[in-house]
Protein backbone atom coordinates (compact mmCIF):
# COMPACT_ATOMS: atom_id res chain seq x y z
CA MET A 1 0.02 -0.02 0.01
CA ARG A 2 1.34 3.34 -1.06
CA LEU A 3 0.41 6.42 1.12
CA MET A 4 0.50 9.84 -0.65
CA LYS A 5 0.67 13.05 1.35
CA TYR A 6 -0.25 16.37 -0.24
CA ASN A 7 1.11 19.49 1.38
CA GLU A 8 -0.73 22.78 1.44
CA GLY A 9 -1.09 24.29 -2.02
CA TRP A 10 -0.16 21.03 -3.85
CA THR A 11 -3.44 20.77 -5.70
CA ARG A 12 -3.30 24.35 -6.95
CA ARG A 13 0.30 23.96 -8.18
CA HIS A 14 -0.64 20.71 -9.85
CA PHE A 15 -3.36 22.27 -11.97
CA LEU A 16 -1.42 25.42 -12.71
CA ASP A 17 1.44 23.32 -13.98
CA GLN A 18 -0.88 21.31 -16.19
CA VAL A 19 -2.59 24.47 -17.68
CA GLY A 20 0.95 26.04 -18.28
CA ARG A 21 1.98 22.98 -20.21
CA GLY A 22 -1.45 22.49 -21.98
CA VAL A 23 -2.03 19.25 -20.36
CA PHE A 24 -5.73 18.16 -20.42
CA ALA A 25 -5.33 14.79 -18.70
CA ALA A 26 -8.17 14.46 -16.10
CA GLY A 27 -7.70 12.76 -12.83
CA VAL A 28 -4.98 13.49 -10.23
CA LEU A 29 -4.27 10.04 -8.76
CA SER A 30 -5.26 7.95 -11.73
CA PRO A 31 -6.70 8.70 -15.23
CA LEU A 32 -10.25 9.72 -14.66
CA ILE A 33 -11.97 7.73 -17.47
CA ASP A 34 -10.21 4.59 -16.47
CA VAL A 35 -11.40 4.96 -12.89
CA ILE A 36 -15.02 5.63 -14.00
CA GLY A 37 -14.88 2.59 -16.31
CA ARG A 38 -13.69 0.29 -13.43
CA HIS A 39 -15.87 1.73 -10.60
CA GLY A 40 -18.54 4.07 -11.90
CA SER A 41 -17.18 6.45 -9.26
CA VAL A 42 -14.54 9.14 -9.29
CA GLU A 43 -13.18 8.66 -5.76
CA ALA A 44 -10.03 6.74 -6.77
CA ALA A 45 -9.03 9.49 -9.23
CA TYR A 46 -8.74 12.40 -6.60
CA PRO A 47 -7.27 13.08 -3.12
CA PRO A 48 -9.60 13.76 -0.28
CA GLU A 49 -9.21 17.58 -0.49
CA LEU A 50 -10.85 17.51 -3.97
CA LEU A 51 -13.78 15.45 -2.96
CA SER A 52 -14.92 17.51 0.18
CA ILE A 53 -15.44 21.16 0.68
CA GLU A 54 -14.70 20.55 4.28
CA ALA A 55 -11.30 19.07 3.56
CA TYR A 56 -10.55 21.68 0.85
CA THR A 57 -11.25 24.54 3.26
CA LYS A 58 -9.69 22.84 6.29
CA GLY A 59 -12.95 22.87 8.10
CA LYS A 60 -13.91 26.48 7.42
CA LEU A 61 -16.89 25.30 5.35
CA LYS A 62 -18.83 22.08 5.16
CA PRO A 63 -21.91 20.68 3.41
CA GLY A 64 -25.02 22.26 4.94
CA ASP A 65 -23.40 25.61 5.40
CA VAL A 66 -24.72 28.66 3.60
CA LEU A 67 -22.34 30.59 1.44
CA ASN A 68 -22.91 34.37 1.89
CA ALA A 69 -21.13 37.73 1.73
CA GLU A 70 -19.36 37.11 4.95
CA ASN A 71 -17.68 33.79 4.06
CA VAL A 72 -17.56 33.65 0.32
CA ASP A 73 -13.90 34.89 0.20
CA ILE A 74 -12.89 31.53 1.68
CA VAL A 75 -13.74 30.01 -1.71
CA LYS A 76 -13.24 32.94 -4.07
CA ASP A 77 -10.84 30.91 -5.99
CA LEU A 78 -13.48 28.18 -6.68
CA LEU A 79 -16.20 30.56 -8.17
CA ASP A 80 -16.63 32.13 -11.57
CA PRO A 81 -16.58 35.94 -11.51
CA GLY A 82 -20.35 36.20 -11.89
CA ALA A 83 -21.24 33.96 -8.90
CA TYR A 84 -18.65 35.65 -6.66
CA TYR A 85 -20.19 39.08 -7.49
CA GLN A 86 -23.68 37.82 -6.80
CA ILE A 87 -22.83 36.34 -3.39
CA LYS A 88 -20.51 39.05 -2.18
CA HIS A 89 -22.42 42.14 -3.43
CA ASP A 90 -26.00 41.27 -4.26
CA GLY A 91 -27.34 39.12 -1.54
CA ARG A 92 -27.29 35.79 -3.20
CA LEU A 93 -27.21 32.81 -0.88
CA VAL A 94 -25.84 29.27 -1.83
CA ASP A 95 -26.35 26.09 0.13
CA LEU A 96 -23.15 23.85 0.13
CA ALA A 97 -23.86 20.18 -0.68
CA PRO A 98 -21.63 17.09 -0.61
CA THR A 99 -19.61 16.22 -3.73
CA GLU A 100 -21.32 13.59 -5.83
CA THR A 101 -18.87 10.78 -6.80
CA ASP A 102 -21.25 8.38 -8.54
CA VAL A 103 -21.10 9.34 -12.23
CA THR A 104 -24.38 7.60 -12.98
CA ARG A 105 -25.96 10.41 -11.02
CA LEU A 106 -24.16 13.02 -13.04
CA THR A 107 -25.17 12.08 -16.64
CA PRO A 108 -27.74 9.85 -18.29
CA VAL A 109 -26.70 6.15 -17.94
CA PRO A 110 -27.22 5.31 -21.67
CA TYR A 111 -24.95 8.23 -22.58
CA LEU A 112 -22.28 7.07 -20.13
CA GLN A 113 -22.45 3.52 -21.34
CA ALA A 114 -22.04 4.64 -24.95
CA THR A 115 -19.15 6.89 -24.00
CA LEU A 116 -17.31 3.93 -22.49
CA SER A 117 -18.20 1.49 -25.36
CA ASN A 118 -17.53 3.88 -28.22
CA LYS A 119 -14.13 5.17 -26.90
CA GLY A 120 -11.63 5.46 -29.66
CA ARG A 121 -14.07 5.13 -32.54
CA HIS A 122 -14.06 8.67 -33.68
CA LYS A 123 -11.84 10.85 -36.01
CA ILE A 124 -11.89 14.56 -36.71
CA PHE A 125 -11.78 14.90 -40.57
CA PRO A 126 -9.95 17.71 -42.47
CA ASP A 127 -13.12 19.73 -42.55
CA GLY A 128 -13.01 19.96 -38.78
CA ASN A 129 -16.18 17.80 -38.20
CA LEU A 130 -16.15 14.65 -36.13
CA TYR A 131 -17.05 11.28 -37.74
CA THR A 132 -16.59 7.60 -36.98
CA LEU A 133 -13.55 5.85 -38.18
CA GLU A 134 -15.71 4.79 -41.15
CA GLY A 135 -16.59 8.34 -42.02
CA LYS A 136 -20.15 8.30 -40.72
CA PRO A 137 -21.87 10.68 -38.28
CA TRP A 138 -21.15 10.06 -34.64
CA ILE A 139 -22.84 7.06 -33.03
CA GLY A 140 -23.44 8.24 -29.44
CA GLY A 141 -21.90 9.15 -26.10
CA ASN A 142 -19.03 11.49 -25.49
CA PRO A 143 -16.36 10.84 -28.14
CA PHE A 144 -13.77 12.60 -26.02
CA PRO A 145 -13.73 11.13 -22.46
CA GLN A 146 -10.03 11.97 -22.36
CA PRO A 147 -9.89 15.26 -24.33
CA GLN A 148 -6.57 16.54 -25.54
CA ALA A 149 -7.62 20.03 -26.84
CA ALA A 150 -10.12 22.69 -26.09
CA GLN A 151 -11.96 21.98 -29.30
CA GLU A 152 -12.54 18.34 -28.22
CA VAL A 153 -14.20 19.53 -25.00
CA LEU A 154 -16.40 21.84 -26.91
CA MET A 155 -17.28 19.27 -29.65
CA ALA A 156 -18.57 16.86 -27.02
CA ASN A 157 -20.96 19.55 -25.78
CA THR A 158 -22.17 20.49 -29.28
CA LEU A 159 -22.84 16.90 -30.42
CA SER A 160 -25.49 16.37 -27.75
CA TRP A 161 -26.64 19.21 -25.64
CA GLY A 162 -29.01 17.35 -23.08
CA LYS A 163 -27.36 13.88 -23.60
CA HIS A 164 -30.85 12.33 -24.18
CA ASP A 165 -32.24 11.20 -27.52
CA THR A 166 -34.95 13.69 -26.92
CA GLN A 167 -36.10 15.94 -24.00
CA ALA A 168 -39.18 18.10 -23.49
CA HIS A 169 -38.27 21.27 -21.61
CA ALA A 170 -41.22 22.60 -19.60
CA THR A 171 -39.81 26.09 -18.64
CA LEU A 172 -40.95 28.89 -16.43
CA ASP A 173 -39.02 32.16 -16.71
CA TRP A 174 -38.85 35.37 -14.61
CA ASP A 175 -37.14 38.43 -15.96
CA THR A 176 -36.05 41.08 -13.45
CA ASP A 177 -34.61 44.57 -13.14
CA ALA A 178 -31.42 45.29 -11.43
CA ASP A 179 -33.00 45.07 -7.92
CA GLY A 180 -34.70 41.73 -8.77
CA ASN A 181 -38.17 43.12 -9.27
CA VAL A 182 -40.03 40.91 -11.76
CA GLU A 183 -40.89 42.74 -14.94
CA TYR A 184 -41.75 39.90 -17.33
CA GLN A 185 -42.76 36.20 -16.96
CA TYR A 186 -42.96 33.61 -19.64
CA ALA A 187 -43.92 29.89 -19.91
CA SER A 188 -42.72 27.84 -22.80
CA TYR A 189 -42.34 24.21 -23.95
CA TYR A 190 -39.43 23.24 -26.19
CA VAL A 191 -38.37 19.82 -27.44
CA GLU A 192 -34.73 18.94 -28.12
CA TRP A 193 -34.59 16.01 -30.57
CA GLN A 194 -31.37 14.33 -31.66
CA THR A 195 -31.15 12.81 -35.13
CA VAL A 196 -27.67 11.15 -34.78
CA GLY A 197 -25.92 9.55 -31.83
CA ARG A 198 -29.18 8.24 -30.73
CA LEU A 199 -29.22 5.57 -27.94
CA THR A 200 -32.55 4.51 -26.97
CA LEU A 201 -35.20 5.52 -29.54
CA ASP A 202 -35.69 3.69 -32.78
CA SER A 203 -34.16 3.97 -35.20
CA HIS A 204 -30.60 4.32 -33.79
CA PRO A 205 -27.82 5.48 -33.88
CA TYR A 206 -29.41 7.54 -36.65
CA MET A 207 -32.94 8.76 -37.39
CA GLU A 208 -33.61 7.45 -40.94
CA GLY A 209 -33.51 10.16 -43.51
CA HIS A 210 -31.96 12.74 -41.14
CA GLU A 211 -28.33 11.52 -41.11
CA ASN A 212 -27.02 14.92 -42.37
CA GLN A 213 -28.67 16.72 -39.51
CA ILE A 214 -27.80 16.76 -35.81
CA ARG A 215 -30.80 17.98 -33.89
CA PHE A 216 -34.19 19.76 -34.13
CA LEU A 217 -35.23 22.22 -31.39
CA GLY A 218 -38.93 23.06 -31.70
CA GLY A 219 -41.49 24.50 -29.23
CA THR A 220 -44.05 27.07 -28.37
CA VAL A 221 -44.59 29.85 -25.92
CA VAL A 222 -47.72 29.36 -23.87
CA ALA A 223 -47.75 32.42 -21.66
CA PRO A 224 -48.30 35.37 -21.39
CA ALA A 225 -51.41 35.93 -23.70
CA ASP A 226 -49.67 38.51 -26.02
CA VAL A 227 -47.10 35.94 -27.10
CA ASN A 228 -48.97 32.74 -26.61
CA GLY A 229 -48.74 30.57 -29.71
CA THR A 230 -45.27 31.94 -30.77
CA GLY A 231 -43.41 28.91 -32.22
CA ILE A 232 -39.78 28.37 -32.73
CA LEU A 233 -37.89 25.78 -34.73
CA GLN A 234 -34.21 25.31 -35.19
CA VAL A 235 -32.86 22.61 -37.64
CA TRP A 236 -29.19 21.89 -37.15
CA ALA A 237 -27.07 20.38 -39.97
CA TYR A 238 -24.36 17.94 -38.92
CA ASP A 239 -21.78 19.97 -40.54
CA GLN A 240 -20.61 22.39 -37.79
CA HIS A 241 -19.80 25.15 -40.31
CA GLN A 242 -23.43 25.53 -41.32
CA LEU A 243 -25.81 27.88 -39.42
CA PRO A 244 -29.07 26.20 -38.39
CA GLY A 245 -32.27 26.91 -40.10
CA TYR A 246 -34.26 29.03 -37.70
CA TYR A 247 -37.95 29.65 -38.10
CA VAL A 248 -40.37 31.65 -35.99
CA TYR A 249 -44.14 31.28 -36.23
CA GLN A 250 -45.94 34.64 -35.27
CA PRO A 251 -49.56 34.07 -34.28
CA THR A 252 -50.52 37.67 -34.85
CA THR A 253 -49.78 37.38 -38.65
CA LYS A 254 -50.12 33.56 -38.86
CA ARG A 255 -46.86 33.38 -40.75
CA VAL A 256 -43.50 31.88 -40.45
CA ARG A 257 -40.33 33.98 -40.87
CA THR A 258 -36.80 32.98 -40.98
CA TYR A 259 -34.64 34.27 -38.20
CA PRO A 260 -31.60 36.39 -39.39
CA VAL A 261 -28.14 35.35 -38.32
CA ASP A 262 -27.49 38.58 -36.35
CA GLN A 263 -30.59 37.94 -34.14
CA ARG A 264 -28.75 35.02 -32.63
CA PHE A 265 -27.13 37.68 -30.47
CA GLU A 266 -30.29 39.41 -29.45
CA PRO A 267 -33.02 38.66 -26.95
CA GLN A 268 -36.01 36.75 -28.28
CA PHE A 269 -38.69 38.45 -26.05
CA PRO A 270 -38.78 41.65 -23.97
CA GLY A 271 -36.92 41.37 -20.71
CA ASN A 272 -34.76 38.39 -21.73
CA THR A 273 -31.06 38.75 -20.88
CA PHE A 274 -30.05 35.64 -22.82
CA PHE A 275 -29.45 35.08 -26.48
CA VAL A 276 -29.92 32.05 -28.74
CA THR A 277 -26.12 31.76 -29.05
CA GLU A 278 -25.96 30.87 -25.27
CA TYR A 279 -28.12 27.78 -25.28
CA TRP A 280 -26.24 24.96 -23.40
CA SER A 281 -23.34 27.48 -23.60
CA THR A 282 -22.67 26.43 -27.24
CA GLY A 283 -25.78 27.59 -28.97
CA ASP A 284 -24.10 27.95 -32.35
CA PRO A 285 -22.44 25.36 -34.56
CA LEU A 286 -18.96 24.94 -33.11
CA LEU A 287 -16.98 25.65 -36.17
CA THR A 288 -18.51 29.16 -36.57
CA TRP A 289 -16.48 29.90 -33.43
CA GLY A 290 -12.62 29.57 -33.12
CA ASN A 291 -9.64 30.61 -31.19
CA PHE A 292 -10.13 27.61 -28.90
CA LYS A 293 -7.85 27.41 -26.01
CA LEU A 294 -7.59 26.01 -22.36
CA VAL A 295 -7.28 28.93 -19.92
CA GLY A 296 -7.85 27.16 -16.63
CA LYS A 297 -8.18 23.89 -14.92
CA GLY A 298 -8.97 22.85 -11.28
CA PRO A 299 -11.61 22.43 -8.76
CA MET A 300 -14.71 24.76 -8.66
CA LEU A 301 -18.02 25.21 -6.77
CA ALA A 302 -20.91 24.64 -9.13
CA GLY A 303 -24.54 23.16 -9.27
CA ALA A 304 -23.36 19.82 -10.73
CA HIS A 305 -25.86 17.84 -8.70
CA HIS A 306 -28.34 18.26 -5.78
CA CYS A 307 -30.17 21.12 -7.47
CA ALA A 308 -33.76 19.86 -8.03
CA ASP A 309 -36.49 20.62 -5.54
CA LEU A 310 -38.73 17.71 -6.23
CA ASP A 311 -40.68 17.95 -3.03
CA GLN A 312 -41.85 21.47 -3.92
CA PRO A 313 -45.05 22.29 -5.97
CA ASN A 314 -44.13 22.00 -9.70
CA TRP A 315 -40.40 21.66 -8.63
CA LEU A 316 -40.22 25.37 -7.94
CA HIS A 317 -37.07 26.66 -6.31
CA LYS A 318 -36.89 29.07 -3.52
CA THR A 319 -35.51 32.56 -4.28
CA CYS A 320 -33.07 34.92 -2.57
CA GLY A 321 -30.98 38.16 -3.21
CA GLY A 322 -31.23 41.41 -4.75
CA LYS A 323 -33.00 44.26 -3.02
CA SER A 324 -36.26 42.47 -3.82
CA GLY A 325 -35.17 39.25 -2.15
CA VAL A 326 -36.26 37.25 -5.28
CA LYS A 327 -33.62 37.96 -7.86
CA TYR A 328 -31.71 34.59 -7.73
CA TRP A 329 -32.60 31.00 -7.22
CA ARG A 330 -31.56 29.63 -3.87
CA THR A 331 -29.27 27.06 -5.32
CA ARG A 332 -26.92 24.39 -4.09
CA MET A 333 -23.30 23.91 -5.10
CA GLU A 334 -20.88 21.21 -4.48
CA LEU A 335 -17.09 20.98 -4.90
CA VAL A 336 -16.43 19.78 -8.45
CA PRO A 337 -13.00 18.05 -8.18
CA GLU A 338 -11.88 19.10 -11.68
CA ALA A 339 -13.13 21.50 -14.29
CA TYR A 340 -11.80 22.65 -17.58
CA VAL A 341 -12.04 26.42 -18.51
CA VAL A 342 -12.13 26.85 -22.23
CA GLU A 343 -12.16 30.03 -24.27
CA LEU A 344 -13.60 30.61 -27.73
CA ALA A 345 -14.37 33.58 -30.05
CA PRO A 346 -17.15 34.21 -32.62
CA VAL A 347 -14.98 34.15 -35.77
CA ALA A 348 -17.77 33.81 -38.31
CA TYR A 349 -19.86 36.63 -36.79
CA PRO A 350 -18.10 39.95 -37.42
CA ARG A 351 -20.97 41.95 -35.98
CA ALA A 352 -21.45 39.93 -32.80
CA PRO A 353 -21.42 41.96 -29.66
CA ILE A 354 -19.61 39.22 -27.81
CA GLY A 355 -15.88 39.26 -28.02
CA LYS A 356 -15.25 35.90 -26.40
CA LYS A 357 -16.67 33.54 -23.89
CA ARG A 358 -15.23 31.19 -21.34
CA ILE A 359 -17.04 28.06 -20.32
CA TRP A 360 -16.36 25.84 -17.21
CA TYR A 361 -16.86 22.14 -17.96
CA ASP A 362 -17.12 19.38 -15.43
CA ALA A 363 -14.17 17.15 -16.24
CA ARG A 364 -16.16 14.11 -15.06
CA THR A 365 -18.82 14.45 -17.67
CA LEU A 366 -17.97 17.37 -19.90
CA THR A 367 -21.27 18.96 -18.90
CA PRO A 368 -21.10 22.76 -19.14
CA LEU A 369 -21.65 24.31 -15.69
CA THR A 370 -21.26 28.01 -16.18
CA MET A 371 -20.19 30.51 -18.85
CA ILE A 372 -18.93 34.11 -18.79
CA SER A 373 -19.11 36.18 -21.94
CA TYR A 374 -16.98 39.31 -22.61
CA ASP A 375 -17.93 42.32 -24.79
CA ARG A 376 -15.84 43.58 -27.70
CA GLN A 377 -13.79 45.64 -25.25
CA GLY A 378 -12.87 42.64 -23.20
CA LYS A 379 -15.06 43.51 -20.25
CA VAL A 380 -17.04 40.87 -18.39
CA TRP A 381 -20.56 41.04 -19.74
CA LYS A 382 -22.88 38.10 -18.94
CA GLN A 383 -23.05 35.01 -16.86
CA TRP A 384 -24.94 31.83 -17.91
CA GLU A 385 -24.97 29.41 -14.86
CA GLY A 386 -26.81 26.16 -14.92
CA GLY A 387 -27.76 23.52 -12.31
CA PHE A 388 -28.27 19.70 -12.73
CA ASP A 389 -29.63 16.83 -10.84
CA TYR A 390 -30.92 13.27 -10.98
CA TYR A 391 -34.66 13.32 -10.91
CA GLU A 392 -36.11 10.44 -8.86
CA ARG A 393 -39.57 9.91 -7.64
CA LYS A 394 -39.81 9.10 -4.03
CA PRO A 395 -42.91 8.27 -1.85
CA GLY A 396 -45.13 11.17 -1.21
CA MET A 397 -43.83 13.32 -4.14
CA LYS A 398 -46.44 14.60 -6.59
CA TRP A 399 -45.58 13.18 -9.99
CA ILE A 400 -47.70 13.93 -13.15
CA GLU A 401 -48.60 10.94 -15.35
CA GLY A 402 -46.14 10.75 -18.31
CA VAL A 403 -43.20 12.10 -16.42
CA PRO A 404 -40.46 9.48 -16.09
CA GLU A 405 -39.89 8.01 -12.59
CA HIS A 406 -36.17 8.78 -12.86
CA PHE A 407 -33.91 10.66 -15.32
CA TRP A 408 -30.93 13.08 -15.40
CA SER A 409 -31.55 16.74 -16.35
CA TRP A 410 -30.83 20.45 -15.99
CA THR A 411 -32.67 22.05 -13.19
CA HIS A 412 -32.33 25.91 -13.51
CA VAL A 413 -30.45 28.71 -15.21
CA HIS A 414 -29.32 32.14 -14.18
CA ALA A 415 -28.73 34.39 -17.15
CA HIS A 416 -27.33 37.52 -15.65
CA ASP A 417 -26.22 40.71 -17.41
CA LEU A 418 -23.43 41.78 -15.13
CA GLN A 419 -23.17 45.22 -16.78
CA ASN A 420 -26.70 46.40 -16.24
CA ASN A 421 -27.45 43.86 -13.38
CA ARG A 422 -30.61 42.64 -15.00
CA MET A 423 -31.54 38.99 -14.65
CA SER A 424 -33.44 36.16 -16.40
CA ARG A 425 -33.94 33.12 -14.10
CA PHE A 426 -35.70 30.11 -15.43
CA TYR A 427 -36.13 26.53 -14.34
CA TYR A 428 -37.17 23.08 -15.57
CA ALA A 429 -40.79 22.72 -14.30
CA GLN A 430 -42.82 19.55 -14.15
CA THR A 431 -45.59 21.20 -16.08
CA VAL A 432 -46.60 24.41 -17.86
CA PRO A 433 -49.90 25.81 -18.98
CA GLY A 434 -51.65 23.89 -21.74
CA GLY A 435 -51.02 20.46 -20.08
CA TYR A 436 -47.48 20.08 -21.30
CA HIS A 437 -45.10 18.16 -18.94
CA ALA A 438 -41.45 17.35 -18.54
CA THR A 439 -40.28 14.04 -20.21
CA VAL A 440 -37.34 12.47 -21.95
CA ASP A 441 -36.98 9.94 -24.79
CA ASP A 442 -40.62 10.13 -25.89
CA ALA A 443 -41.02 9.14 -29.51
CA ARG A 444 -44.14 11.25 -30.04
CA LEU A 445 -42.35 14.57 -29.51
CA PHE A 446 -40.91 14.85 -32.99
CA GLY A 447 -44.27 14.80 -34.74
CA ASP A 448 -45.88 17.04 -32.20
CA PHE A 449 -43.22 19.83 -32.09
CA CYS A 450 -40.37 19.57 -34.58
CA SER A 451 -41.78 20.91 -37.90
CA ILE A 452 -43.19 24.08 -39.29
CA GLU A 453 -46.61 22.46 -39.64
CA ALA A 454 -46.44 21.57 -35.88
CA LEU A 455 -45.63 25.26 -35.05
CA GLU A 456 -48.57 26.48 -37.15
CA ARG A 457 -50.90 23.91 -35.48
CA LEU A 458 -49.74 24.88 -31.91
CA GLY A 459 -50.13 28.51 -32.64
CA ARG A 460 -53.75 28.39 -33.72
């Protein structure tokens, strides 16, 4: 038995050295993906101080504590700039949770299984796109469980946003002013549908006739009344150089219009602080961005797990912060043992107001945890922070018929404009008006939501 002792500051020096040398290898004690493949847990890949906020802070903080303005400086090095500002200066509170080490709770199990079984079966072709060794579209899972470059981290994100074959997003949104006073509210229902890399729905790994595409994103706004029936459809090509077809059905004119490219960098509705380009942090085809680089690596505090409130009506989260007391979700964060920070720039969008963005990825799953975008002057502009959890029905919980008994999903998003201090906060609800409910891998969703005809029907 070999005992290893890590003196103070060893972890920080380890990660700084790796970033300085451009080393992506995940895992400190052993290669991360090998540990996951053997155990399904990450414990053997990291020393104790990276698996416990109490060990990391030498007892100054522990799970169950509340992170606030008085104690946040203890972990300033673990937070993105947006989260630090919110807690230190704007009244946000965060509940600390234990680190989840079971990877089957951090990503969909079929996706994890495909990641392990399809390891090494990919190739990036001269055009920059990823294919199988036989030159076909990707067959499922994360092709880069051991990424060697920033582009590989980003490509895994782009190939499958939500990591399910399909997911219906029942979403409730509140848009606030700088003090957190609610000015706009929206309810919507969007369907994310994969056409390649499919793992559970027939046909797989490809949807017949759609092998040259990667996903559909279709849905409708159901509240308030003045935008009820507005339909949105994106059709993504597999080629990551091509912009998606983007169509909007407007119920007032009963017509479908094509969304201009520049509007990917504008709010869709009054009050929104987020843009289409920010969906899942990589809302545009990857190869329309460039200048990919690794700029950081190490532990962080983020909402990688423990973020759902399944015992609350409609899974609604509590709120906190801002002068109003309701500006932010009252979220939970855990110590993520290792995260990649990658940077990219909008090279194909000369008029984009964003100069660059940085995305923090959980090294265990390559799930994007938070993003900071910068304006053209290099100033911090916006934060997109997500939360995640494993949804599991337990006795006494109200569960709508049709909602799966257990599944992995995102839970909430903060979209914070840090320059004007306005906020859009939305979350994954169990149901929204119209009888629409959360679900995953439902074969009926494509016909109901993923065509222009569907948008017109829903908007009537």
